[in-house]
Amino acid sequence: MLTALGLADQEDAVYRALVVHPGARAADLARALAAAPADGVPAVAWSEHGVATVLRQLVSTGLALADTGVDEEPRYRATPPALALEPLLTARRDGLRQAERLISRLTEQYQEAQSGRPGASVEVVTGREAVRHRFLQLQLAAQREVLGLMMPVSRRQGAVVPVEENAAEAEAMRRGVRYRVVLERGWLDEAGIRDLMEESLRAGQELTVVDSVPVQLAIADGKIAMVRLSPVPGSRDPGALIIHESGLLEALVALFHAYRERGWRLVGPERTGRAPSPADGPDEVDRSILGLLHVGLTDVSIARQLALGHRTVQRRLSRLMRLTGARTRFQLGCQAVRAGWLNGDDGLSAAAPDPAVTAADLPERAGPRT
């Protein structure tokens, strides 16, 4: 129905009739429309005078052309649909996009007003653009540190802000904001993630790997947190909770530290300027393999991350086992830790977990109490 483009019911029906009856007079179209009335328009409405009035409206808006001969009743032709209707469609799309942006702004203003009420410590944000905006805003507002728990894309139903597009993170780090992130192990299986991890580690981020995390979480300065929610049934729009200073926020900070302390820290490459020799033990690739093996990746996943063949990874691991005298992968890991290979400076590797956080540490790390 062309009424979706702003045409009235009679304009819609007359234009469509004119498309299939080019050169018709008003009387001709009136008879055709009365014989097969359009939906929502009764047949009695199609008088010759009424159709002539609608035709003149279509001519005035550029949807029809009138051919007037001497002493003859005008004959009408429809303007080609692509030429006549595409501008209407474009204008309607632009209007809907503006309305969508306005709804997002009004929703945000509403939620901000609600959060200002005494005792209101939790906001609900819905819609992809609104969630994206608040996530970037949280990072740009951070002054000291950002803490995060990260799930793989497959578990969080698509990234609202892909890692490589998170410009707010780079801006925050330039201002000296420290990032400490706990990654779910499955996150390391995502294609191309190794280069992003090395870049993050070089920039000074702290990355820790654990088997799984319960939520997708970001916390800025211990003062505000954002928890990603799954879309509600029947909707693809993501949602999030914004938690302000409260006992709930302290619990989320403690949750972050509990997972961080049980994980394995990744150690980034720090170039030494010399190429390792066989006498030095493992080279940079070997250390990367050992580091990824140490955090639980399979040979296939390691090969994918390092852009190596599966057999190449297996051959290198076999060589390292012969070098250390290890008979199992477990023994190889123990020997690698003992030799300091996982804390070296030649590639992405894993360090042992930090000492467990104590109860005395939690109040200070959790930020101000309310």
Protein backbone atom coordinates (compact mmCIF):
# COMPACT_ATOMS: atom_id res chain seq x y z
CA MET A 1 0.00 0.00 0.00
CA LEU A 2 1.35 3.38 -1.02
CA THR A 3 -0.36 4.92 1.99
CA ALA A 4 2.83 3.93 3.85
CA LEU A 5 4.55 6.65 1.78
CA GLY A 6 2.06 9.31 2.82
CA LEU A 7 -0.57 8.98 0.08
CA ALA A 8 -4.26 9.02 0.99
CA ASP A 9 -6.33 5.92 0.23
CA GLN A 10 -7.94 7.46 -2.88
CA GLU A 11 -4.60 8.79 -4.18
CA ASP A 12 -3.10 5.33 -3.71
CA ALA A 13 -5.93 3.64 -5.63
CA VAL A 14 -6.06 6.18 -8.49
CA TYR A 15 -2.28 6.14 -9.01
CA ARG A 16 -2.18 2.35 -9.14
CA ALA A 17 -5.12 2.30 -11.58
CA LEU A 18 -3.40 4.91 -13.74
CA VAL A 19 -0.27 2.71 -13.93
CA VAL A 20 -2.26 -0.06 -15.65
CA HIS A 21 -4.51 2.31 -17.65
CA PRO A 22 -2.15 4.84 -19.25
CA GLY A 23 -3.85 7.65 -21.16
CA ALA A 24 -7.16 7.15 -19.36
CA ARG A 25 -9.73 9.91 -18.78
CA ALA A 26 -11.26 10.55 -15.37
CA ALA A 27 -14.47 8.82 -16.47
CA ASP A 28 -12.55 5.73 -17.60
CA LEU A 29 -10.75 5.43 -14.27
CA ALA A 30 -13.98 6.01 -12.34
CA ARG A 31 -15.65 3.06 -14.09
CA ALA A 32 -12.58 0.83 -13.58
CA LEU A 33 -12.32 1.69 -9.89
CA ALA A 34 -16.04 1.30 -9.24
CA ALA A 35 -15.92 -2.17 -10.81
CA ALA A 36 -13.00 -3.24 -8.60
CA PRO A 37 -12.87 -0.87 -5.60
CA ALA A 38 -9.67 -0.56 -3.60
CA ASP A 39 -9.43 -1.82 -0.04
CA GLY A 40 -10.93 0.64 2.41
CA VAL A 41 -12.61 2.78 -0.27
CA PRO A 42 -16.29 2.09 -1.06
CA ALA A 43 -17.39 1.88 -4.70
CA VAL A 44 -19.78 4.82 -4.26
CA ALA A 45 -16.76 7.09 -3.72
CA TRP A 46 -15.63 6.68 -7.32
CA SER A 47 -17.63 9.36 -9.10
CA GLU A 48 -16.14 10.96 -12.18
CA HIS A 49 -15.88 14.27 -10.35
CA GLY A 50 -14.15 12.66 -7.34
CA VAL A 51 -11.63 10.83 -9.52
CA ALA A 52 -10.91 14.03 -11.49
CA THR A 53 -10.20 15.85 -8.22
CA VAL A 54 -7.73 13.12 -7.12
CA LEU A 55 -6.06 13.18 -10.55
CA ARG A 56 -5.46 16.92 -10.28
CA GLN A 57 -3.89 16.32 -6.83
CA LEU A 58 -1.58 13.70 -8.31
CA VAL A 59 -0.56 16.08 -11.10
CA SER A 60 0.18 18.82 -8.55
CA THR A 61 2.48 16.50 -6.57
CA GLY A 62 4.27 15.14 -9.64
CA LEU A 63 2.78 11.66 -9.49
CA ALA A 64 0.82 12.04 -12.76
CA LEU A 65 0.91 13.96 -16.05
CA ALA A 66 -2.10 15.43 -17.87
CA ASP A 67 -2.30 15.54 -21.68
CA THR A 68 -4.87 18.17 -22.66
CA GLY A 69 -5.97 18.36 -26.30
CA VAL A 70 -8.14 20.97 -27.94
CA ASP A 71 -11.81 20.57 -26.91
CA GLU A 72 -10.97 17.19 -25.32
CA GLU A 73 -11.17 15.92 -21.80
CA PRO A 74 -7.66 15.51 -20.28
CA ARG A 75 -5.97 12.14 -20.49
CA TYR A 76 -3.65 11.16 -17.64
CA ARG A 77 -0.48 9.10 -17.38
CA ALA A 78 1.31 7.93 -14.25
CA THR A 79 4.79 9.28 -13.61
CA PRO A 80 7.18 6.26 -13.67
CA PRO A 81 7.06 4.66 -10.17
CA ALA A 82 10.83 4.68 -9.68
CA LEU A 83 10.92 8.40 -10.42
CA ALA A 84 7.75 9.33 -8.53
CA LEU A 85 7.90 7.08 -5.46
CA GLU A 86 11.61 6.64 -4.65
CA PRO A 87 11.93 10.21 -3.27
CA LEU A 88 8.90 9.56 -1.04
CA LEU A 89 10.44 6.32 0.17
CA THR A 90 13.80 7.98 0.88
CA ALA A 91 12.13 10.82 2.79
CA ARG A 92 10.10 8.36 4.86
CA ARG A 93 13.25 6.33 5.69
CA ASP A 94 15.08 9.47 6.77
CA GLY A 95 12.15 10.44 8.93
CA LEU A 96 12.07 7.03 10.60
CA ARG A 97 15.81 7.16 11.31
CA GLN A 98 15.42 10.60 12.90
CA ALA A 99 12.51 9.32 14.96
CA GLU A 100 14.60 6.32 16.07
CA ARG A 101 17.42 8.59 17.20
CA LEU A 102 14.95 10.81 19.02
CA ILE A 103 13.44 7.81 20.81
CA SER A 104 16.93 6.74 21.93
CA ARG A 105 17.68 10.22 23.28
CA LEU A 106 14.33 10.46 25.04
CA THR A 107 14.79 6.99 26.52
CA GLU A 108 18.24 7.94 27.80
CA GLN A 109 16.91 11.20 29.26
CA TYR A 110 14.08 9.31 30.92
CA GLN A 111 16.46 6.78 32.44
CA GLU A 112 18.81 9.51 33.63
CA ALA A 113 15.89 11.31 35.25
CA GLN A 114 14.75 8.09 36.89
CA SER A 115 18.25 7.34 38.18
CA GLY A 116 18.29 10.73 39.89
CA ARG A 117 15.53 9.68 42.28
CA PRO A 118 16.68 8.98 45.88
CA GLY A 119 17.58 5.34 46.25
CA ALA A 120 17.69 4.62 42.50
CA SER A 121 20.95 2.75 41.88
CA VAL A 122 20.08 0.72 38.76
CA GLU A 123 19.12 1.87 35.25
CA VAL A 124 17.86 -0.33 32.43
CA VAL A 125 19.18 0.52 28.96
CA THR A 126 17.66 -1.15 25.90
CA GLY A 127 18.45 -0.97 22.19
CA ARG A 128 21.75 -1.51 20.40
CA GLU A 129 22.57 2.18 19.92
CA ALA A 130 21.70 3.08 23.51
CA VAL A 131 23.83 0.23 24.92
CA ARG A 132 26.71 1.15 22.61
CA HIS A 133 26.54 4.80 23.65
CA ARG A 134 26.55 4.05 27.38
CA PHE A 135 29.44 1.56 27.05
CA LEU A 136 31.60 4.12 25.24
CA GLN A 137 30.49 6.81 27.69
CA LEU A 138 31.51 4.66 30.68
CA GLN A 139 35.05 4.32 29.31
CA LEU A 140 35.42 7.99 28.39
CA ALA A 141 34.33 8.98 31.90
CA ALA A 142 36.88 6.69 33.61
CA GLN A 143 39.77 8.46 35.34
CA ARG A 144 41.71 5.63 36.98
CA GLU A 145 40.80 2.12 35.79
CA VAL A 146 38.32 -0.01 33.88
CA LEU A 147 37.67 -3.57 35.02
CA GLY A 148 35.99 -6.09 32.72
CA LEU A 149 34.70 -9.63 32.41
CA MET A 150 34.45 -10.71 28.76
CA MET A 151 32.47 -13.55 27.20
CA PRO A 152 33.07 -14.90 23.69
CA VAL A 153 30.92 -13.35 20.94
CA SER A 154 28.99 -16.63 20.60
CA ARG A 155 27.76 -16.35 24.22
CA ARG A 156 26.93 -12.64 24.21
CA GLN A 157 24.77 -12.73 21.04
CA GLY A 158 27.08 -10.49 19.00
CA ALA A 159 29.23 -7.59 20.08
CA VAL A 160 27.56 -4.19 20.45
CA VAL A 161 31.00 -2.60 20.08
CA PRO A 162 33.52 -4.91 18.34
CA VAL A 163 36.93 -4.90 20.04
CA GLU A 164 38.64 -3.41 17.01
CA GLU A 165 36.10 -0.54 16.87
CA ASN A 166 36.32 0.46 20.54
CA ALA A 167 37.93 3.88 20.04
CA ALA A 168 36.97 4.92 23.57
CA GLU A 169 39.37 2.32 24.98
CA ALA A 170 42.36 3.78 23.13
CA GLU A 171 41.37 7.30 24.20
CA ALA A 172 41.04 6.25 27.85
CA MET A 173 44.42 4.52 27.83
CA ARG A 174 46.06 7.62 26.35
CA ARG A 175 44.77 9.47 29.43
CA GLY A 176 46.43 6.89 31.68
CA VAL A 177 43.38 4.76 32.47
CA ARG A 178 44.40 1.20 33.34
CA TYR A 179 42.46 -1.71 31.86
CA ARG A 180 42.25 -5.03 33.69
CA VAL A 181 40.19 -7.62 31.82
CA VAL A 182 39.30 -11.23 32.58
CA LEU A 183 38.66 -13.26 29.41
CA GLU A 184 36.65 -16.43 29.11
CA ARG A 185 38.83 -19.13 27.53
CA GLY A 186 36.54 -19.47 24.50
CA TRP A 187 37.32 -15.85 23.62
CA LEU A 188 40.82 -16.96 22.61
CA ASP A 189 39.37 -19.21 19.89
CA GLU A 190 37.98 -16.27 17.93
CA ALA A 191 39.72 -15.66 14.62
CA GLY A 192 42.45 -13.02 14.56
CA ILE A 193 42.34 -12.41 18.29
CA ARG A 194 46.06 -13.01 18.89
CA ASP A 195 47.16 -9.77 17.22
CA LEU A 196 44.57 -7.81 19.20
CA MET A 197 45.75 -9.40 22.46
CA GLU A 198 49.40 -8.62 21.76
CA GLU A 199 48.52 -5.03 20.89
CA SER A 200 46.51 -4.70 24.10
CA LEU A 201 49.33 -6.17 26.20
CA ARG A 202 51.89 -3.84 24.63
CA ALA A 203 49.61 -0.91 25.46
CA GLY A 204 49.70 -1.95 29.12
CA GLN A 205 46.45 -3.83 29.55
CA GLU A 206 46.25 -6.68 32.05
CA LEU A 207 44.62 -9.76 30.52
CA THR A 208 43.67 -12.83 32.58
CA VAL A 209 42.18 -16.08 31.25
CA VAL A 210 39.63 -18.23 33.13
CA ASP A 211 37.47 -21.18 32.09
CA SER A 212 34.25 -19.14 32.07
CA VAL A 213 32.74 -15.91 33.36
CA PRO A 214 29.14 -15.50 34.54
CA VAL A 215 28.36 -12.10 32.98
CA GLN A 216 29.64 -9.53 30.49
CA LEU A 217 30.73 -6.72 32.79
CA ALA A 218 32.57 -3.36 32.75
CA ILE A 219 33.32 -1.20 35.82
CA ALA A 220 34.79 2.30 35.78
CA ASP A 221 36.74 3.56 38.82
CA GLY A 222 34.64 1.45 41.19
CA LYS A 223 31.86 4.04 40.77
CA ILE A 224 29.67 2.75 37.93
CA ALA A 225 29.22 -0.64 36.28
CA MET A 226 27.54 -1.94 33.16
CA VAL A 227 26.19 -5.51 32.94
CA ARG A 228 25.17 -6.82 29.52
CA LEU A 229 21.76 -8.52 29.35
CA SER A 230 20.58 -11.05 26.81
CA PRO A 231 17.81 -9.88 24.42
CA VAL A 232 14.31 -10.55 25.68
CA PRO A 233 12.41 -13.35 23.90
CA GLY A 234 11.17 -12.20 20.50
CA SER A 235 13.64 -9.30 20.28
CA ARG A 236 17.16 -8.99 18.94
CA ASP A 237 17.86 -5.73 20.75
CA PRO A 238 20.44 -6.09 23.52
CA GLY A 239 19.99 -4.55 26.94
CA ALA A 240 22.17 -3.59 29.87
CA LEU A 241 21.99 -2.62 33.52
CA ILE A 242 23.82 0.50 34.67
CA ILE A 243 24.68 0.14 38.36
CA HIS A 244 25.64 3.23 40.36
CA GLU A 245 27.48 3.32 43.71
CA SER A 246 25.74 0.85 45.99
CA GLY A 247 26.19 -2.47 47.74
CA LEU A 248 25.37 -4.15 44.41
CA LEU A 249 28.27 -2.35 42.74
CA GLU A 250 30.65 -3.47 45.51
CA ALA A 251 29.49 -7.06 44.96
CA LEU A 252 30.28 -6.77 41.23
CA VAL A 253 33.76 -5.41 41.96
CA ALA A 254 34.37 -8.32 44.35
CA LEU A 255 33.08 -10.72 41.67
CA PHE A 256 35.62 -9.34 39.20
CA HIS A 257 38.51 -9.77 41.62
CA ALA A 258 37.41 -13.29 42.56
CA TYR A 259 37.61 -14.38 38.91
CA ARG A 260 40.79 -12.42 38.23
CA GLU A 261 42.64 -14.06 41.09
CA ARG A 262 41.73 -17.59 40.01
CA GLY A 263 42.87 -17.08 36.38
CA TRP A 264 46.14 -17.09 34.46
CA ARG A 265 47.74 -13.80 33.48
CA LEU A 266 48.83 -13.36 29.86
CA VAL A 267 52.28 -11.88 29.38
CA GLY A 268 52.87 -9.78 26.30
CA PRO A 269 55.89 -9.66 23.99
CA GLU A 270 58.66 -7.26 24.93
CA ARG A 271 61.20 -7.25 22.11
CA THR A 272 64.80 -7.75 23.23
CA GLY A 273 66.45 -6.92 19.90
CA ARG A 274 68.19 -10.29 19.58
CA ALA A 275 67.15 -13.46 17.82
CA PRO A 276 67.10 -16.52 20.09
CA SER A 277 69.49 -19.32 19.27
CA PRO A 278 68.80 -23.04 19.70
CA ALA A 279 70.90 -22.98 22.85
CA ASP A 280 68.44 -20.52 24.40
CA GLY A 281 65.70 -23.14 24.42
CA PRO A 282 62.32 -22.20 22.95
CA ASP A 283 62.09 -19.45 20.37
CA GLU A 284 59.32 -16.84 20.17
CA VAL A 285 56.90 -19.19 18.40
CA ASP A 286 57.58 -21.96 20.95
CA ARG A 287 56.85 -19.56 23.82
CA SER A 288 53.61 -18.48 22.18
CA ILE A 289 52.58 -22.12 21.76
CA LEU A 290 53.43 -22.89 25.39
CA GLY A 291 51.54 -19.82 26.62
CA LEU A 292 48.38 -20.70 24.71
CA LEU A 293 48.68 -24.36 25.71
CA HIS A 294 49.05 -23.26 29.33
CA VAL A 295 45.73 -21.38 29.31
CA GLY A 296 43.95 -24.43 27.94
CA LEU A 297 43.75 -24.05 24.14
CA THR A 298 43.82 -27.19 22.02
CA ASP A 299 46.46 -27.81 19.35
CA VAL A 300 43.92 -26.90 16.67
CA SER A 301 43.05 -23.59 18.36
CA ILE A 302 46.73 -22.76 18.88
CA ALA A 303 47.43 -23.41 15.21
CA ARG A 304 44.55 -21.14 14.21
CA GLN A 305 45.68 -18.30 16.49
CA LEU A 306 49.31 -18.44 15.37
CA ALA A 307 48.53 -19.08 11.69
CA LEU A 308 50.50 -22.33 11.81
CA GLY A 309 49.74 -25.79 10.55
CA HIS A 310 48.33 -28.29 13.04
CA ARG A 311 51.28 -30.62 12.43
CA THR A 312 53.73 -27.75 12.88
CA VAL A 313 52.34 -27.11 16.35
CA GLN A 314 52.56 -30.82 17.20
CA ARG A 315 56.15 -31.06 15.91
CA ARG A 316 57.23 -28.07 17.99
CA LEU A 317 55.58 -29.48 21.10
CA SER A 318 57.29 -32.84 20.50
CA ARG A 319 60.65 -31.08 20.17
CA LEU A 320 60.07 -29.18 23.42
CA MET A 321 59.13 -32.42 25.20
CA ARG A 322 62.37 -34.00 23.99
CA LEU A 323 64.30 -30.89 25.06
CA THR A 324 62.88 -31.00 28.59
CA GLY A 325 62.67 -34.78 28.89
CA ALA A 326 58.93 -34.51 29.50
CA ARG A 327 56.77 -37.55 28.72
CA THR A 328 53.38 -35.76 28.93
CA ARG A 329 51.99 -32.33 28.18
CA PHE A 330 51.48 -31.84 31.92
CA GLN A 331 55.17 -32.49 32.58
CA LEU A 332 56.06 -30.11 29.74
CA GLY A 333 53.97 -27.38 31.37
CA CYS A 334 55.67 -27.96 34.74
CA GLN A 335 59.12 -27.83 33.13
CA ALA A 336 58.18 -24.67 31.21
CA VAL A 337 57.10 -22.92 34.42
CA ARG A 338 60.22 -24.11 36.25
CA ALA A 339 62.44 -22.84 33.42
CA GLY A 340 60.69 -19.48 33.31
CA TRP A 341 59.63 -19.93 29.68
CA LEU A 342 56.06 -18.77 30.38
CA ASN A 343 57.25 -15.50 31.89
CA GLY A 344 59.79 -14.70 29.22
CA ASP A 345 59.98 -11.77 26.85
CA ASP A 346 59.69 -13.46 23.47
CA GLY A 347 55.97 -13.90 22.91
CA LEU A 348 52.44 -14.17 24.23
CA SER A 349 52.58 -16.40 27.28
CA ALA A 350 50.89 -17.02 30.61
CA ALA A 351 51.98 -16.23 34.13
CA ALA A 352 50.87 -17.98 37.28
CA PRO A 353 47.82 -16.63 39.11
CA ASP A 354 48.32 -13.66 41.39
CA PRO A 355 48.08 -14.24 45.15
CA ALA A 356 44.49 -14.56 46.31
CA VAL A 357 42.77 -11.33 47.25
CA THR A 358 42.23 -10.98 50.98
CA ALA A 359 39.16 -9.74 52.77
CA ALA A 360 41.11 -6.65 53.83
CA ASP A 361 41.75 -5.80 50.18
CA LEU A 362 38.10 -5.81 49.12
CA PRO A 363 36.79 -2.53 50.62
CA GLU A 364 39.62 -0.53 49.07
CA ARG A 365 39.31 -2.25 45.69
CA ALA A 366 35.55 -2.03 45.69
CA GLY A 367 35.56 1.74 45.68
CA PRO A 368 33.61 4.12 47.92
CA ARG A 369 30.87 2.63 50.06
CA THR A 370 27.36 4.04 50.11
